[in-house]
């Protein structure tokens, strides 16, 4: 377990507090917001989260600037293990006075942390996990789901694949909450579109790097489409190994149900060309996304940014706006009240533009269906996508009435 502490806008809250009279230190602590970035710093989701997610959190804090309260950022690697994540989060809430946890990579981690956050009346900003259950049966008044979810990815990429002729599927699924949710949601859209699912195989997570036997089983099913209900390096390894086996040359289509720009970068356009994916952020969408990307890359270098990392910036910025609106002491006193204030305020930032937050905690913004360019079509660094379709928020995400979120019951 790795925990790091960084203070922004103050050299060190703890050191400063130690030099102040007890009542002044206490007042300063009451006026300091603490944000914990709980993420994957070393595992299969590092490239789409990790240090760049931390940097994007800090960018939001820096750009928000001092508004009468201090902000401290803590960082921890949860190793994609719910037990490790729970120990860190409990320590943050009980000992370190953390007010909000952001990122929470891995759906199994997010579901556990959301419940603990409700018990402690703090704030959870889930920017990395995918499971649509976070705004369904597992929704809470203390958590928000920001960037994307399995329903959105399944509907956009899954439907597009069926429409293009991929009407028989076999899934390679990461064996935990995220993979199960993505397979479930995609299956419903494939079947609704007239397709059929011929089978599925579950792969251990984390730790699987050799997918050859799983790919051969998928090929043996004679499905037209192999659906990858995984993410990060698992997706990259599956696609690379499928190419090595020549599956696409034999007419098998690989459906990367959740693929990110850093994954395309890792694959290279020669391998990734023609793949279709859905994202809610791309650096080259418009002037605002390009401006945000320039500011982020000034901090982290010339690297591809994922929609999760952009979501870190967006979610933290909106959280701090809500804190400023209600006052730091009130925000620290009740996470549920802070989340309610965030829902009541329209969202607006350079990464995602304008948007809203629904009663179930779903952050609403458009979804974009992309096709990966051929190498000769790319004009420069990270120019990897062609926009095929824009889906408005109310169509991209699951209808509020269908989620079974307890917060929406009359």
Protein backbone atom coordinates (compact mmCIF):
# COMPACT_ATOMS: atom_id res chain seq x y z
CA UNK A 1 0.00 0.00 0.00
CA UNK A 2 1.42 3.38 -1.04
CA UNK A 3 0.15 6.60 0.49
CA UNK A 4 1.58 9.97 -0.37
CA UNK A 5 0.57 13.38 0.95
CA UNK A 6 0.82 16.64 -0.94
CA UNK A 7 -0.40 20.05 0.10
CA UNK A 8 -1.55 22.69 -2.39
CA UNK A 9 -1.81 26.41 -1.63
CA UNK A 10 -0.03 25.80 1.70
CA UNK A 11 3.50 24.62 2.37
CA UNK A 12 2.12 22.17 4.92
CA UNK A 13 -1.13 22.36 6.81
CA UNK A 14 0.17 20.09 9.53
CA UNK A 15 3.43 21.99 9.99
CA UNK A 16 1.68 25.34 9.99
CA UNK A 17 -0.92 24.11 12.44
CA UNK A 18 1.79 22.92 14.81
CA UNK A 19 3.18 26.45 15.07
CA UNK A 20 -0.18 28.06 15.76
CA UNK A 21 -2.15 28.34 18.99
CA UNK A 22 -4.58 25.40 19.33
CA UNK A 23 -7.62 27.53 18.49
CA UNK A 24 -5.99 28.97 15.35
CA UNK A 25 -4.83 25.55 14.20
CA UNK A 26 -8.30 24.19 14.79
CA UNK A 27 -9.84 27.00 12.76
CA UNK A 28 -7.40 26.39 9.93
CA UNK A 29 -8.19 22.67 9.89
CA UNK A 30 -11.91 23.50 9.77
CA UNK A 31 -11.22 25.64 6.72
CA UNK A 32 -9.09 23.12 4.81
CA UNK A 33 -10.66 20.68 2.35
CA UNK A 34 -8.85 17.36 1.97
CA UNK A 35 -9.22 15.35 -1.25
CA UNK A 36 -7.93 11.78 -1.50
CA UNK A 37 -7.03 10.41 -4.94
CA UNK A 38 -7.57 6.65 -4.60
CA UNK A 39 -6.26 5.11 -7.80
CA UNK A 40 -4.19 2.47 -9.56
CA UNK A 41 -0.59 3.69 -9.51
CA UNK A 42 1.13 0.44 -10.45
CA UNK A 43 -1.29 -2.09 -11.98
CA UNK A 44 -3.21 -2.72 -15.21
CA UNK A 45 -5.15 0.56 -15.01
CA UNK A 46 -2.15 2.79 -14.30
CA UNK A 47 -1.90 4.32 -17.78
CA UNK A 48 -5.54 5.43 -17.84
CA UNK A 49 -5.44 6.59 -14.20
CA UNK A 50 -2.31 6.78 -12.10
CA UNK A 51 0.04 9.76 -11.86
CA UNK A 52 -1.74 11.66 -14.63
CA UNK A 53 -5.03 11.43 -12.74
CA UNK A 54 -3.25 12.88 -9.73
CA UNK A 55 -1.84 15.69 -11.87
CA UNK A 56 -5.28 16.51 -13.30
CA UNK A 57 -6.68 16.69 -9.76
CA UNK A 58 -3.94 19.15 -8.84
CA UNK A 59 -4.58 21.13 -12.01
CA UNK A 60 -8.21 21.64 -10.97
CA UNK A 61 -7.13 22.74 -7.50
CA UNK A 62 -4.56 25.16 -8.90
CA UNK A 63 -6.96 26.69 -11.41
CA UNK A 64 -9.72 27.05 -8.87
CA UNK A 65 -7.29 29.12 -6.77
CA UNK A 66 -7.81 30.20 -3.16
CA UNK A 67 -11.47 30.99 -2.40
CA UNK A 68 -11.20 31.47 1.33
CA UNK A 69 -10.23 27.88 2.14
CA UNK A 70 -7.19 25.65 1.71
CA UNK A 71 -7.04 22.40 -0.25
CA UNK A 72 -4.84 19.41 0.48
CA UNK A 73 -4.47 16.42 -1.86
CA UNK A 74 -3.57 12.93 -0.63
CA UNK A 75 -2.71 10.01 -2.94
CA UNK A 76 -2.91 6.25 -2.48
CA UNK A 77 -2.51 3.12 -4.60
CA UNK A 78 -5.30 0.65 -3.83
CA UNK A 79 -3.76 -2.11 -6.01
CA UNK A 80 -7.25 -2.83 -7.42
CA UNK A 81 -8.09 -4.65 -4.18
CA UNK A 82 -11.26 -3.73 -2.29
CA UNK A 83 -9.75 -4.71 1.08
CA UNK A 84 -6.75 -2.44 0.54
CA UNK A 85 -9.00 0.36 -0.69
CA UNK A 86 -11.29 0.06 2.32
CA UNK A 87 -8.38 0.20 4.76
CA UNK A 88 -6.98 3.31 3.09
CA UNK A 89 -10.33 5.07 2.85
CA UNK A 90 -11.28 4.29 6.45
CA UNK A 91 -7.93 5.65 7.61
CA UNK A 92 -8.40 8.77 5.49
CA UNK A 93 -11.87 9.42 6.89
CA UNK A 94 -11.23 8.50 10.53
CA UNK A 95 -7.67 9.66 11.09
CA UNK A 96 -6.69 12.09 8.33
CA UNK A 97 -9.90 14.10 7.99
CA UNK A 98 -10.33 13.52 4.25
CA UNK A 99 -13.56 15.07 2.96
CA UNK A 100 -13.79 13.62 -0.55
CA UNK A 101 -12.34 10.61 -2.38
CA UNK A 102 -11.91 10.82 -6.15
CA UNK A 103 -11.10 8.37 -8.99
CA UNK A 104 -11.67 5.05 -7.13
CA UNK A 105 -10.44 2.95 -10.07
CA UNK A 106 -11.99 -0.54 -10.37
CA UNK A 107 -15.71 -1.14 -9.96
CA UNK A 108 -15.36 -3.58 -7.06
CA UNK A 109 -13.40 -0.93 -5.18
CA UNK A 110 -15.93 1.78 -6.03
CA UNK A 111 -18.92 -0.20 -4.77
CA UNK A 112 -17.21 -0.85 -1.43
CA UNK A 113 -15.97 2.73 -1.03
CA UNK A 114 -19.38 4.19 -1.91
CA UNK A 115 -21.02 2.37 0.99
CA UNK A 116 -18.29 3.37 3.46
CA UNK A 117 -18.54 6.97 2.22
CA UNK A 118 -22.29 6.93 2.91
CA UNK A 119 -21.69 5.60 6.43
CA UNK A 120 -19.12 8.32 7.17
CA UNK A 121 -21.13 11.08 5.39
CA UNK A 122 -18.24 12.02 3.11
CA UNK A 123 -18.08 12.49 -0.70
CA UNK A 124 -17.09 9.90 -3.35
CA UNK A 125 -16.43 11.13 -6.90
CA UNK A 126 -16.21 7.99 -9.04
CA UNK A 127 -14.45 9.02 -12.25
CA UNK A 128 -12.75 5.73 -13.14
CA UNK A 129 -15.06 2.79 -12.32
CA UNK A 130 -17.48 1.63 -14.99
CA UNK A 131 -20.26 -0.36 -13.38
CA UNK A 132 -23.67 1.20 -13.98
CA UNK A 133 -24.75 -0.16 -10.58
CA UNK A 134 -23.21 2.96 -9.02
CA UNK A 135 -26.25 4.90 -10.22
CA UNK A 136 -28.57 1.92 -9.91
CA UNK A 137 -29.05 -0.45 -7.00
CA UNK A 138 -25.85 0.78 -5.28
CA UNK A 139 -26.46 4.54 -5.60
CA UNK A 140 -26.07 6.69 -2.48
CA UNK A 141 -26.67 10.31 -1.55
CA UNK A 142 -22.92 10.71 -1.01
CA UNK A 143 -21.53 9.49 -4.34
CA UNK A 144 -21.47 10.68 -7.93
CA UNK A 145 -20.56 8.75 -11.09
CA UNK A 146 -18.79 11.03 -13.51
CA UNK A 147 -17.18 10.03 -16.79
CA UNK A 148 -18.82 6.95 -18.32
CA UNK A 149 -20.44 3.64 -17.37
CA UNK A 150 -21.03 0.16 -18.73
CA UNK A 151 -24.52 1.02 -19.99
CA UNK A 152 -23.15 3.87 -22.12
CA UNK A 153 -20.25 1.83 -23.51
CA UNK A 154 -22.45 -1.20 -24.19
CA UNK A 155 -25.16 0.81 -25.91
CA UNK A 156 -22.88 2.90 -28.13
CA UNK A 157 -20.20 0.39 -29.13
CA UNK A 158 -22.37 -2.71 -28.87
CA UNK A 159 -25.22 -1.38 -30.99
CA UNK A 160 -22.84 0.02 -33.60
CA UNK A 161 -21.12 -3.36 -33.90
CA UNK A 162 -24.41 -5.24 -34.34
CA UNK A 163 -25.60 -2.74 -36.95
CA UNK A 164 -22.40 -3.34 -38.93
CA UNK A 165 -23.16 -7.05 -39.16
CA UNK A 166 -21.74 -8.41 -35.91
CA UNK A 167 -24.82 -10.31 -34.81
CA UNK A 168 -23.19 -13.22 -32.94
CA UNK A 169 -20.96 -12.62 -29.90
CA UNK A 170 -18.59 -14.36 -27.52
CA UNK A 171 -17.31 -12.44 -24.48
CA UNK A 172 -13.90 -12.42 -22.84
CA UNK A 173 -14.78 -10.93 -19.46
CA UNK A 174 -12.70 -9.69 -16.54
CA UNK A 175 -13.97 -11.72 -13.59
CA UNK A 176 -15.12 -8.99 -11.22
CA UNK A 177 -17.89 -6.41 -10.88
CA UNK A 178 -16.85 -4.26 -13.85
CA UNK A 179 -16.52 -7.10 -16.35
CA UNK A 180 -19.76 -8.72 -15.23
CA UNK A 181 -21.62 -5.41 -15.54
CA UNK A 182 -20.18 -4.67 -19.01
CA UNK A 183 -21.01 -8.15 -20.28
CA UNK A 184 -24.53 -7.93 -18.85
CA UNK A 185 -25.27 -4.52 -20.33
CA UNK A 186 -23.80 -5.38 -23.73
CA UNK A 187 -25.72 -8.64 -23.89
CA UNK A 188 -29.00 -6.81 -23.41
CA UNK A 189 -28.25 -4.44 -26.31
CA UNK A 190 -26.99 -7.21 -28.61
CA UNK A 191 -30.13 -9.26 -28.02
CA UNK A 192 -32.43 -6.24 -28.33
CA UNK A 193 -30.85 -5.53 -31.72
CA UNK A 194 -31.54 -9.07 -32.92
CA UNK A 195 -28.12 -10.55 -32.20
CA UNK A 196 -27.21 -13.54 -30.07
CA UNK A 197 -24.55 -14.35 -27.48
CA UNK A 198 -22.93 -17.74 -28.05
CA UNK A 199 -20.92 -17.82 -24.85
CA UNK A 200 -18.51 -16.12 -22.47
CA UNK A 201 -15.39 -16.92 -20.51
CA UNK A 202 -14.20 -15.20 -17.34
CA UNK A 203 -10.54 -14.24 -16.93
CA UNK A 204 -8.89 -13.73 -13.51
CA UNK A 205 -8.32 -10.10 -12.49
CA UNK A 206 -5.78 -8.76 -11.85
CA UNK A 207 -2.80 -10.72 -13.05
CA UNK A 208 -3.80 -12.19 -16.43
CA UNK A 209 -1.40 -11.34 -19.24
CA UNK A 210 -1.69 -14.34 -21.56
CA UNK A 211 -5.12 -14.41 -23.22
CA UNK A 212 -4.25 -16.91 -25.95
CA UNK A 213 -6.34 -19.80 -24.58
CA UNK A 214 -9.32 -17.50 -24.04
CA UNK A 215 -9.07 -16.13 -27.57
CA UNK A 216 -8.88 -19.64 -29.03
CA UNK A 217 -12.01 -20.63 -27.10
CA UNK A 218 -13.76 -17.54 -28.41
CA UNK A 219 -12.69 -18.36 -31.96
CA UNK A 220 -13.94 -21.94 -31.57
CA UNK A 221 -17.44 -20.59 -30.84
CA UNK A 222 -17.53 -19.27 -34.42
CA UNK A 223 -18.98 -15.99 -33.19
CA UNK A 224 -18.57 -13.08 -35.58
CA UNK A 225 -17.61 -10.78 -32.70
CA UNK A 226 -15.31 -11.28 -29.73
CA UNK A 227 -16.48 -8.77 -27.14
CA UNK A 228 -13.76 -7.60 -24.74
CA UNK A 229 -15.43 -6.88 -21.40
CA UNK A 230 -12.19 -5.68 -19.87
CA UNK A 231 -10.02 -2.56 -19.84
CA UNK A 232 -6.50 -1.17 -19.57
CA UNK A 233 -3.60 -3.50 -20.24
CA UNK A 234 -6.02 -6.45 -20.41
CA UNK A 235 -7.67 -4.91 -23.47
CA UNK A 236 -4.31 -4.02 -25.01
CA UNK A 237 -2.99 -7.56 -24.51
CA UNK A 238 -6.16 -9.14 -25.93
CA UNK A 239 -6.05 -7.02 -29.08
CA UNK A 240 -2.31 -7.58 -29.61
CA UNK A 241 -2.65 -11.33 -29.18
CA UNK A 242 -5.73 -11.47 -31.43
CA UNK A 243 -3.68 -9.73 -34.12
CA UNK A 244 -0.81 -12.18 -33.63
CA UNK A 245 -3.23 -15.09 -34.13
CA UNK A 246 -4.61 -13.44 -37.25
CA UNK A 247 -8.20 -13.53 -35.98
CA UNK A 248 -9.25 -10.35 -37.76
CA UNK A 249 -7.78 -11.63 -41.03
CA UNK A 250 -10.10 -14.61 -40.68
CA UNK A 251 -13.14 -12.37 -40.44
CA UNK A 252 -13.51 -12.21 -36.65
CA UNK A 253 -14.33 -8.71 -35.36
CA UNK A 254 -12.85 -7.53 -32.07
CA UNK A 255 -15.24 -5.27 -30.13
CA UNK A 256 -13.26 -3.24 -27.61
CA UNK A 257 -16.18 -2.29 -25.39
CA UNK A 258 -14.06 -0.02 -23.22
CA UNK A 259 -10.95 1.37 -24.87
CA UNK A 260 -9.13 4.59 -24.03
CA UNK A 261 -6.77 6.82 -25.98
CA UNK A 262 -3.69 5.61 -24.00
CA UNK A 263 -4.67 2.05 -25.03
CA UNK A 264 -4.65 3.06 -28.70
CA UNK A 265 -1.28 4.70 -28.16
CA UNK A 266 0.07 1.50 -26.60
CA UNK A 267 -1.27 -0.62 -29.47
CA UNK A 268 -0.11 1.70 -32.25
CA UNK A 269 -2.28 2.63 -35.22
CA UNK A 270 -1.03 -0.25 -37.31
CA UNK A 271 -2.66 -2.69 -34.88
CA UNK A 272 -5.57 -0.56 -33.63
CA UNK A 273 -6.76 0.89 -36.96
CA UNK A 274 -10.43 0.34 -37.65
CA UNK A 275 -11.38 -0.46 -34.06
CA UNK A 276 -14.47 1.34 -32.78
CA UNK A 277 -14.78 2.70 -29.26
CA UNK A 278 -16.84 5.15 -27.23
CA UNK A 279 -15.43 7.96 -25.10
CA UNK A 280 -16.85 11.06 -23.45
CA UNK A 281 -13.67 13.13 -23.87
CA UNK A 282 -11.12 13.47 -26.65
CA UNK A 283 -8.43 16.10 -26.70
CA UNK A 284 -9.23 17.26 -30.26
CA UNK A 285 -13.02 17.64 -30.00
CA UNK A 286 -13.11 21.44 -29.80
CA UNK A 287 -11.20 24.54 -28.70
CA UNK A 288 -11.98 23.95 -25.02
CA UNK A 289 -10.77 20.33 -24.98
CA UNK A 290 -7.61 21.35 -26.80
CA UNK A 291 -7.00 24.16 -24.29
CA UNK A 292 -7.48 21.82 -21.32
CA UNK A 293 -5.16 19.24 -22.87
CA UNK A 294 -2.41 21.82 -23.39
CA UNK A 295 -2.62 22.84 -19.72
CA UNK A 296 -2.59 19.24 -18.51
CA UNK A 297 0.31 18.25 -20.75
CA UNK A 298 2.28 21.23 -19.51
CA UNK A 299 2.25 19.41 -16.16
CA UNK A 300 2.71 15.80 -17.27
CA UNK A 301 4.48 15.99 -20.61
CA UNK A 302 3.40 14.92 -24.09
CA UNK A 303 1.32 11.89 -23.21
CA UNK A 304 -2.17 10.84 -24.35
CA UNK A 305 -4.92 11.80 -21.91
CA UNK A 306 -7.74 9.41 -21.06
CA UNK A 307 -11.33 10.46 -20.43
CA UNK A 308 -10.84 9.31 -16.83
CA UNK A 309 -7.96 11.74 -16.32
CA UNK A 310 -10.01 14.55 -17.84
CA UNK A 311 -12.84 13.49 -15.55
CA UNK A 312 -10.60 13.96 -12.53
CA UNK A 313 -10.18 17.60 -13.45
CA UNK A 314 -13.87 18.08 -14.16
CA UNK A 315 -15.20 16.39 -11.01
CA UNK A 316 -12.76 18.04 -8.62
CA UNK A 317 -13.37 21.47 -10.14
CA UNK A 318 -17.14 21.11 -9.70
CA UNK A 319 -16.71 19.81 -6.16
CA UNK A 320 -14.62 22.84 -5.22
CA UNK A 321 -17.22 25.16 -6.76
CA UNK A 322 -19.85 23.58 -4.52
CA UNK A 323 -17.59 23.93 -1.47
CA UNK A 324 -17.07 27.61 -2.26
CA UNK A 325 -20.80 28.08 -2.70
CA UNK A 326 -21.77 26.56 0.66
CA UNK A 327 -18.61 27.32 2.65
CA UNK A 328 -15.87 24.89 3.69
CA UNK A 329 -17.18 24.24 7.24
CA UNK A 330 -20.64 23.32 5.92
CA UNK A 331 -19.13 21.13 3.20
CA UNK A 332 -16.96 19.32 5.74
CA UNK A 333 -19.92 18.83 8.04
CA UNK A 334 -21.99 16.84 5.54
CA UNK A 335 -20.93 15.00 2.42
CA UNK A 336 -24.56 14.35 1.49
CA UNK A 337 -25.32 18.08 1.62
CA UNK A 338 -22.27 18.79 -0.54
CA UNK A 339 -23.35 16.23 -3.14
CA UNK A 340 -26.86 17.71 -3.12
CA UNK A 341 -25.35 21.14 -3.81
CA UNK A 342 -23.28 19.69 -6.66
CA UNK A 343 -26.44 18.20 -8.19
CA UNK A 344 -28.22 21.53 -7.95
CA UNK A 345 -25.44 23.41 -9.77
CA UNK A 346 -24.88 23.12 -13.56
CA UNK A 347 -21.47 21.77 -14.51
CA UNK A 348 -19.10 23.60 -16.84
CA UNK A 349 -15.43 22.99 -17.59
CA UNK A 350 -13.05 22.82 -20.54
CA UNK A 351 -12.87 19.02 -20.57
CA UNK A 352 -16.60 18.22 -20.85
CA UNK A 353 -18.29 21.55 -21.47
CA UNK A 354 -21.67 22.21 -19.89
CA UNK A 355 -23.71 19.50 -18.22
CA UNK A 356 -25.86 18.46 -15.29
CA UNK A 357 -25.96 15.83 -12.54
CA UNK A 358 -29.08 13.69 -12.16
CA UNK A 359 -30.80 12.70 -8.93
CA UNK A 360 -29.18 9.25 -9.09
CA UNK A 361 -25.69 10.80 -9.20
CA UNK A 362 -25.12 10.31 -12.93
CA UNK A 363 -23.08 13.14 -14.49
CA UNK A 364 -24.68 13.88 -17.86
CA UNK A 365 -22.72 14.78 -21.00
CA UNK A 366 -22.54 13.53 -24.62
CA UNK A 367 -20.91 10.27 -25.68
CA UNK A 368 -18.81 10.01 -28.84
CA UNK A 369 -18.42 6.97 -31.06
CA UNK A 370 -14.96 6.93 -32.64
CA UNK A 371 -13.12 4.83 -35.18
CA UNK A 372 -9.35 4.53 -34.86
CA UNK A 373 -7.56 6.07 -37.84
CA UNK A 374 -5.23 4.34 -40.25
CA UNK A 375 -1.58 5.33 -39.78
CA UNK A 376 -1.59 7.43 -42.95
CA UNK A 377 -4.63 9.39 -41.74
CA UNK A 378 -3.00 10.65 -38.54
CA UNK A 379 -1.71 14.21 -38.72
CA UNK A 380 0.40 14.26 -35.59
CA UNK A 381 0.84 13.09 -31.99
CA UNK A 382 -2.32 11.47 -30.55
CA UNK A 383 -4.40 12.26 -33.65
CA UNK A 384 -5.97 8.83 -33.48
CA UNK A 385 -9.76 9.15 -33.76
CA UNK A 386 -12.40 9.82 -36.40
CA UNK A 387 -15.74 10.90 -34.95
CA UNK A 388 -18.54 8.67 -36.21
CA UNK A 389 -21.45 9.70 -34.02
CA UNK A 390 -22.38 12.01 -31.15
CA UNK A 391 -25.04 10.76 -28.74
CA UNK A 392 -26.77 13.34 -26.53
CA UNK A 393 -26.66 12.72 -22.77
CA UNK A 394 -30.30 11.70 -22.36
CA UNK A 395 -29.79 8.97 -24.98
CA UNK A 396 -26.27 7.94 -24.02
CA UNK A 397 -26.99 7.00 -20.43
CA UNK A 398 -29.59 4.71 -18.89
CA UNK A 399 -32.98 6.36 -18.31
CA UNK A 400 -33.42 7.48 -14.72
CA UNK A 401 -36.55 5.38 -14.38
CA UNK A 402 -34.72 2.16 -15.33
CA UNK A 403 -31.89 2.26 -12.81
CA UNK A 404 -33.69 1.24 -9.61
CA UNK A 405 -31.73 3.82 -7.64
CA UNK A 406 -33.32 4.15 -4.17
CA UNK A 407 -32.88 7.94 -4.33
CA UNK A 408 -35.36 8.20 -7.21
CA UNK A 409 -38.21 6.30 -5.61
CA UNK A 410 -41.34 8.36 -4.98
